[in-house]
Amino acid sequence: MRVIVWAILTIVLSSTSSTAQPVFLAGRYVLPITQHDLYISAAGPLGTTITVNFRFKPIESCTDTLDSVLEYQLPPGHNENPIDEIKATCNKAIQCSGIEFRCVGAKRPYPMSFQHVPLREIKASGASFSGTYRYVSSSIARPRAALLRRASVGNFEESANKKIKTVRFRIEK
């Protein structure tokens, strides 16, 4: 009887450990080419916090970007299911070539899923975005302004007087 109990316990423990969610390596990750950032905090009692920074450069001559920050709280055992962000912000309005560019929040949450890819990479996926971020540093401090110059181009709505352009910051179809 004791042998049967140990055998069952061994099977349960080995199957549980093989399906357990791997722990993300804390630090800064970068999406190649566009230089969007992803930050992983060390796992805490509520789970792991993931911060995703999307950067939009309105026109090539601008030296600044509009930045959207989406924060996700992954509970223990989330199993790579899409989850809504717990916080979303867009940081500012910028002036470039005599035009003011602004960011505004979206009307609904943007669920994303996060999964390990071989070695030190994380795949982040949403309804209209998917990218594999590469680990670059154990630092989770936000980058200095100089790093904000590399960015992708966003789609902007122009005001009637053509002096203000607005982008909606969460990626939507």
C-alpha atoms as a PDB file:
ATOM      1  CA  MET A   1       0.000   0.000   0.000  1.00  0.00           C
ATOM      2  CA  ARG A   2       2.814   2.360   0.927  1.00  0.00           C
ATOM      3  CA  VAL A   3       4.497   1.708  -2.453  1.00  0.00           C
ATOM      4  CA  ILE A   4       1.276   2.628  -4.311  1.00  0.00           C
ATOM      5  CA  VAL A   5       0.941   5.904  -2.369  1.00  0.00           C
ATOM      6  CA  TRP A   6       4.573   6.827  -3.153  1.00  0.00           C
ATOM      7  CA  ALA A   7       4.093   5.931  -6.813  1.00  0.00           C
ATOM      8  CA  ILE A   8       0.996   8.138  -7.082  1.00  0.00           C
ATOM      9  CA  LEU A   9       2.721  10.976  -5.239  1.00  0.00           C
ATOM     10  CA  THR A  10       5.756  10.722  -7.550  1.00  0.00           C
ATOM     11  CA  ILE A  11       3.560  10.812 -10.679  1.00  0.00           C
ATOM     12  CA  VAL A  12       1.591  13.823  -9.401  1.00  0.00           C
ATOM     13  CA  LEU A  13       4.714  15.788  -8.449  1.00  0.00           C
ATOM     14  CA  SER A  14       6.515  15.051 -11.703  1.00  0.00           C
ATOM     15  CA  SER A  15       3.520  15.994 -13.851  1.00  0.00           C
ATOM     16  CA  THR A  16       2.913  19.199 -11.856  1.00  0.00           C
ATOM     17  CA  SER A  17       6.503  20.372 -12.199  1.00  0.00           C
ATOM     18  CA  SER A  18       6.565  19.714 -15.951  1.00  0.00           C
ATOM     19  CA  THR A  19       3.494  21.895 -16.577  1.00  0.00           C
ATOM     20  CA  ALA A  20       4.407  24.684 -14.141  1.00  0.00           C
ATOM     21  CA  GLN A  21       4.686  28.149 -15.627  1.00  0.00           C
ATOM     22  CA  PRO A  22       8.371  29.093 -16.024  1.00  0.00           C
ATOM     23  CA  VAL A  23       9.573  32.178 -14.184  1.00  0.00           C
ATOM     24  CA  PHE A  24      10.396  35.151 -16.414  1.00  0.00           C
ATOM     25  CA  LEU A  25      13.898  36.554 -16.015  1.00  0.00           C
ATOM     26  CA  ALA A  26      13.567  40.001 -14.404  1.00  0.00           C
ATOM     27  CA  GLY A  27      15.003  42.914 -16.362  1.00  0.00           C
ATOM     28  CA  ARG A  28      14.732  44.898 -19.586  1.00  0.00           C
ATOM     29  CA  TYR A  29      13.849  43.364 -22.958  1.00  0.00           C
ATOM     30  CA  VAL A  30      13.928  45.157 -26.324  1.00  0.00           C
ATOM     31  CA  LEU A  31      11.976  44.495 -29.502  1.00  0.00           C
ATOM     32  CA  PRO A  32      14.554  44.539 -32.329  1.00  0.00           C
ATOM     33  CA  ILE A  33      14.247  47.215 -35.037  1.00  0.00           C
ATOM     34  CA  THR A  34      11.533  49.363 -33.368  1.00  0.00           C
ATOM     35  CA  GLN A  35      13.188  49.448 -29.922  1.00  0.00           C
ATOM     36  CA  HIS A  36       9.952  49.131 -27.954  1.00  0.00           C
ATOM     37  CA  ASP A  37      10.797  48.082 -24.379  1.00  0.00           C
ATOM     38  CA  LEU A  38       9.376  45.410 -22.087  1.00  0.00           C
ATOM     39  CA  TYR A  39      10.267  45.266 -18.375  1.00  0.00           C
ATOM     40  CA  ILE A  40       9.803  42.274 -16.085  1.00  0.00           C
ATOM     41  CA  SER A  41       9.786  42.771 -12.330  1.00  0.00           C
ATOM     42  CA  ALA A  42      10.746  39.969  -9.980  1.00  0.00           C
ATOM     43  CA  ALA A  43       7.755  37.795  -9.054  1.00  0.00           C
ATOM     44  CA  GLY A  44       5.968  38.970  -5.908  1.00  0.00           C
ATOM     45  CA  PRO A  45       2.919  37.842  -3.939  1.00  0.00           C
ATOM     46  CA  LEU A  46       0.539  39.130  -6.662  1.00  0.00           C
ATOM     47  CA  GLY A  47       2.591  37.624  -9.484  1.00  0.00           C
ATOM     48  CA  THR A  48       4.925  39.146 -12.054  1.00  0.00           C
ATOM     49  CA  THR A  49       4.535  42.707 -13.319  1.00  0.00           C
ATOM     50  CA  ILE A  50       5.222  43.279 -17.022  1.00  0.00           C
ATOM     51  CA  THR A  51       5.478  46.816 -18.376  1.00  0.00           C
ATOM     52  CA  VAL A  52       5.331  47.294 -22.157  1.00  0.00           C
ATOM     53  CA  ASN A  53       6.445  50.614 -23.698  1.00  0.00           C
ATOM     54  CA  PHE A  54       5.292  51.351 -27.242  1.00  0.00           C
ATOM     55  CA  ARG A  55       7.003  54.321 -28.886  1.00  0.00           C
ATOM     56  CA  PHE A  56       5.641  56.270 -31.850  1.00  0.00           C
ATOM     57  CA  LYS A  57       7.726  58.737 -33.822  1.00  0.00           C
ATOM     58  CA  PRO A  58       5.284  61.056 -35.620  1.00  0.00           C
ATOM     59  CA  ILE A  59       7.632  62.151 -38.401  1.00  0.00           C
ATOM     60  CA  GLU A  60      11.234  61.310 -39.230  1.00  0.00           C
ATOM     61  CA  SER A  61      12.563  64.787 -38.337  1.00  0.00           C
ATOM     62  CA  CYS A  62      11.228  64.584 -34.752  1.00  0.00           C
ATOM     63  CA  THR A  63      13.800  63.867 -32.076  1.00  0.00           C
ATOM     64  CA  ASP A  64      11.141  62.890 -29.525  1.00  0.00           C
ATOM     65  CA  THR A  65       8.473  60.181 -29.411  1.00  0.00           C
ATOM     66  CA  LEU A  66       5.004  59.680 -28.018  1.00  0.00           C
ATOM     67  CA  ASP A  67       5.140  56.821 -25.542  1.00  0.00           C
ATOM     68  CA  SER A  68       2.396  54.473 -24.392  1.00  0.00           C
ATOM     69  CA  VAL A  69       2.938  52.400 -21.259  1.00  0.00           C
ATOM     70  CA  LEU A  70       0.809  49.304 -20.625  1.00  0.00           C
ATOM     71  CA  GLU A  71       1.237  47.464 -17.328  1.00  0.00           C
ATOM     72  CA  TYR A  72       0.169  43.849 -16.819  1.00  0.00           C
ATOM     73  CA  GLN A  73       0.044  41.776 -13.627  1.00  0.00           C
ATOM     74  CA  LEU A  74       0.552  38.076 -14.378  1.00  0.00           C
ATOM     75  CA  PRO A  75      -0.866  35.969 -11.547  1.00  0.00           C
ATOM     76  CA  PRO A  76       0.942  32.750 -10.624  1.00  0.00           C
ATOM     77  CA  GLY A  77      -0.011  30.005 -13.094  1.00  0.00           C
ATOM     78  CA  HIS A  78      -1.454  32.349 -15.759  1.00  0.00           C
ATOM     79  CA  ASN A  79      -0.562  29.769 -18.461  1.00  0.00           C
ATOM     80  CA  GLU A  80       0.083  32.347 -21.212  1.00  0.00           C
ATOM     81  CA  ASN A  81      -3.611  33.311 -21.434  1.00  0.00           C
ATOM     82  CA  PRO A  82      -4.346  36.848 -22.694  1.00  0.00           C
ATOM     83  CA  ILE A  83      -4.999  39.279 -19.830  1.00  0.00           C
ATOM     84  CA  ASP A  84      -6.085  42.937 -19.677  1.00  0.00           C
ATOM     85  CA  GLU A  85      -3.666  45.585 -18.532  1.00  0.00           C
ATOM     86  CA  ILE A  86      -4.026  46.945 -15.003  1.00  0.00           C
ATOM     87  CA  LYS A  87      -2.807  50.386 -16.029  1.00  0.00           C
ATOM     88  CA  ALA A  88      -2.397  52.247 -19.335  1.00  0.00           C
ATOM     89  CA  THR A  89      -0.966  55.714 -19.900  1.00  0.00           C
ATOM     90  CA  CYS A  90       0.283  57.851 -22.733  1.00  0.00           C
ATOM     91  CA  ASN A  91       2.869  60.311 -21.613  1.00  0.00           C
ATOM     92  CA  LYS A  92       2.601  63.633 -23.354  1.00  0.00           C
ATOM     93  CA  ALA A  93       2.107  65.961 -26.268  1.00  0.00           C
ATOM     94  CA  ILE A  94       5.151  66.975 -28.294  1.00  0.00           C
ATOM     95  CA  GLN A  95       5.957  69.802 -30.741  1.00  0.00           C
ATOM     96  CA  CYS A  96       7.674  68.955 -33.987  1.00  0.00           C
ATOM     97  CA  SER A  97       8.001  71.074 -37.148  1.00  0.00           C
ATOM     98  CA  GLY A  98       5.344  73.499 -35.869  1.00  0.00           C
ATOM     99  CA  ILE A  99       2.767  70.756 -35.295  1.00  0.00           C
ATOM    100  CA  GLU A 100       1.595  69.499 -31.915  1.00  0.00           C
ATOM    101  CA  PHE A 101       1.315  65.720 -31.639  1.00  0.00           C
ATOM    102  CA  ARG A 102      -0.804  64.288 -28.799  1.00  0.00           C
ATOM    103  CA  CYS A 103      -1.592  60.849 -27.501  1.00  0.00           C
ATOM    104  CA  VAL A 104      -4.949  59.749 -26.102  1.00  0.00           C
ATOM    105  CA  GLY A 105      -5.978  56.487 -24.462  1.00  0.00           C
ATOM    106  CA  ALA A 106      -8.129  53.852 -26.100  1.00  0.00           C
ATOM    107  CA  LYS A 107     -11.714  53.223 -25.066  1.00  0.00           C
ATOM    108  CA  ARG A 108     -11.226  49.571 -24.136  1.00  0.00           C
ATOM    109  CA  PRO A 109      -8.507  47.367 -22.604  1.00  0.00           C
ATOM    110  CA  TYR A 110      -5.866  45.712 -24.744  1.00  0.00           C
ATOM    111  CA  PRO A 111      -5.387  42.080 -23.659  1.00  0.00           C
ATOM    112  CA  MET A 112      -1.962  40.555 -24.267  1.00  0.00           C
ATOM    113  CA  SER A 113      -0.343  37.194 -23.632  1.00  0.00           C
ATOM    114  CA  PHE A 114       3.290  36.595 -22.717  1.00  0.00           C
ATOM    115  CA  GLN A 115       5.264  33.419 -23.242  1.00  0.00           C
ATOM    116  CA  HIS A 116       8.849  32.220 -23.027  1.00  0.00           C
ATOM    117  CA  VAL A 117      10.672  31.619 -26.258  1.00  0.00           C
ATOM    118  CA  PRO A 118      13.988  29.734 -26.227  1.00  0.00           C
ATOM    119  CA  LEU A 119      16.747  31.260 -24.130  1.00  0.00           C
ATOM    120  CA  ARG A 120      16.212  34.844 -22.999  1.00  0.00           C
ATOM    121  CA  GLU A 121      13.264  35.966 -25.114  1.00  0.00           C
ATOM    122  CA  ILE A 122       9.602  36.709 -24.436  1.00  0.00           C
ATOM    123  CA  LYS A 123       6.868  36.709 -27.059  1.00  0.00           C
ATOM    124  CA  ALA A 124       4.194  39.332 -26.406  1.00  0.00           C
ATOM    125  CA  SER A 125       0.955  39.029 -28.402  1.00  0.00           C
ATOM    126  CA  GLY A 126      -2.233  41.047 -28.676  1.00  0.00           C
ATOM    127  CA  ALA A 127      -5.100  41.358 -31.160  1.00  0.00           C
ATOM    128  CA  SER A 128      -3.065  43.429 -33.630  1.00  0.00           C
ATOM    129  CA  PHE A 129       0.478  43.138 -32.290  1.00  0.00           C
ATOM    130  CA  SER A 130       2.946  40.312 -31.875  1.00  0.00           C
ATOM    131  CA  GLY A 131       6.655  40.606 -31.217  1.00  0.00           C
ATOM    132  CA  THR A 132       9.537  38.724 -29.650  1.00  0.00           C
ATOM    133  CA  TYR A 133      11.505  40.780 -27.142  1.00  0.00           C
ATOM    134  CA  ARG A 134      15.159  40.002 -26.377  1.00  0.00           C
ATOM    135  CA  TYR A 135      16.673  40.259 -22.913  1.00  0.00           C
ATOM    136  CA  VAL A 136      19.277  43.032 -22.735  1.00  0.00           C
ATOM    137  CA  SER A 137      19.785  43.947 -19.084  1.00  0.00           C
ATOM    138  CA  SER A 138      18.956  43.034 -15.493  1.00  0.00           C
ATOM    139  CA  SER A 139      18.147  46.703 -14.902  1.00  0.00           C
ATOM    140  CA  ILE A 140      14.465  47.575 -14.699  1.00  0.00           C
ATOM    141  CA  ALA A 141      15.034  51.336 -14.504  1.00  0.00           C
ATOM    142  CA  ARG A 142      13.314  53.209 -17.318  1.00  0.00           C
ATOM    143  CA  PRO A 143      15.580  54.338 -20.201  1.00  0.00           C
ATOM    144  CA  ARG A 144      16.884  57.894 -20.402  1.00  0.00           C
ATOM    145  CA  ALA A 145      15.452  60.299 -22.978  1.00  0.00           C
ATOM    146  CA  ALA A 146      18.276  59.589 -25.416  1.00  0.00           C
ATOM    147  CA  LEU A 147      16.948  56.066 -25.919  1.00  0.00           C
ATOM    148  CA  LEU A 148      13.536  57.404 -26.930  1.00  0.00           C
ATOM    149  CA  ARG A 149      14.742  58.600 -30.333  1.00  0.00           C
ATOM    150  CA  ARG A 150      14.372  55.187 -31.964  1.00  0.00           C
ATOM    151  CA  ALA A 151      10.726  54.500 -32.651  1.00  0.00           C
ATOM    152  CA  SER A 152       8.186  53.297 -35.133  1.00  0.00           C
ATOM    153  CA  VAL A 153       5.788  55.556 -36.979  1.00  0.00           C
ATOM    154  CA  GLY A 154       2.182  55.797 -35.768  1.00  0.00           C
ATOM    155  CA  ASN A 155      -1.045  56.801 -37.565  1.00  0.00           C
ATOM    156  CA  PHE A 156      -2.320  60.245 -36.625  1.00  0.00           C
ATOM    157  CA  GLU A 157      -5.650  62.068 -37.026  1.00  0.00           C
ATOM    158  CA  GLU A 158      -5.249  65.691 -38.098  1.00  0.00           C
ATOM    159  CA  SER A 159      -7.260  68.645 -36.709  1.00  0.00           C
ATOM    160  CA  ALA A 160      -9.163  70.968 -39.049  1.00  0.00           C
ATOM    161  CA  ASN A 161      -6.490  73.702 -38.746  1.00  0.00           C
ATOM    162  CA  LYS A 162      -3.729  71.086 -39.353  1.00  0.00           C
ATOM    163  CA  LYS A 163      -1.853  72.259 -36.260  1.00  0.00           C
ATOM    164  CA  ILE A 164      -2.698  69.292 -33.999  1.00  0.00           C
ATOM    165  CA  LYS A 165      -2.370  65.602 -34.747  1.00  0.00           C
ATOM    166  CA  THR A 166      -3.635  62.935 -32.376  1.00  0.00           C
ATOM    167  CA  VAL A 167      -2.793  59.231 -32.135  1.00  0.00           C
ATOM    168  CA  ARG A 168      -4.796  56.663 -30.200  1.00  0.00           C
ATOM    169  CA  PHE A 169      -2.216  54.816 -28.168  1.00  0.00           C
ATOM    170  CA  ARG A 170      -3.278  51.255 -27.673  1.00  0.00           C
ATOM    171  CA  ILE A 171      -2.956  49.238 -30.846  1.00  0.00           C
ATOM    172  CA  GLU A 172      -6.429  48.641 -32.248  1.00  0.00           C
ATOM    173  CA  LYS A 173      -7.714  47.254 -35.543  1.00  0.00           C
END
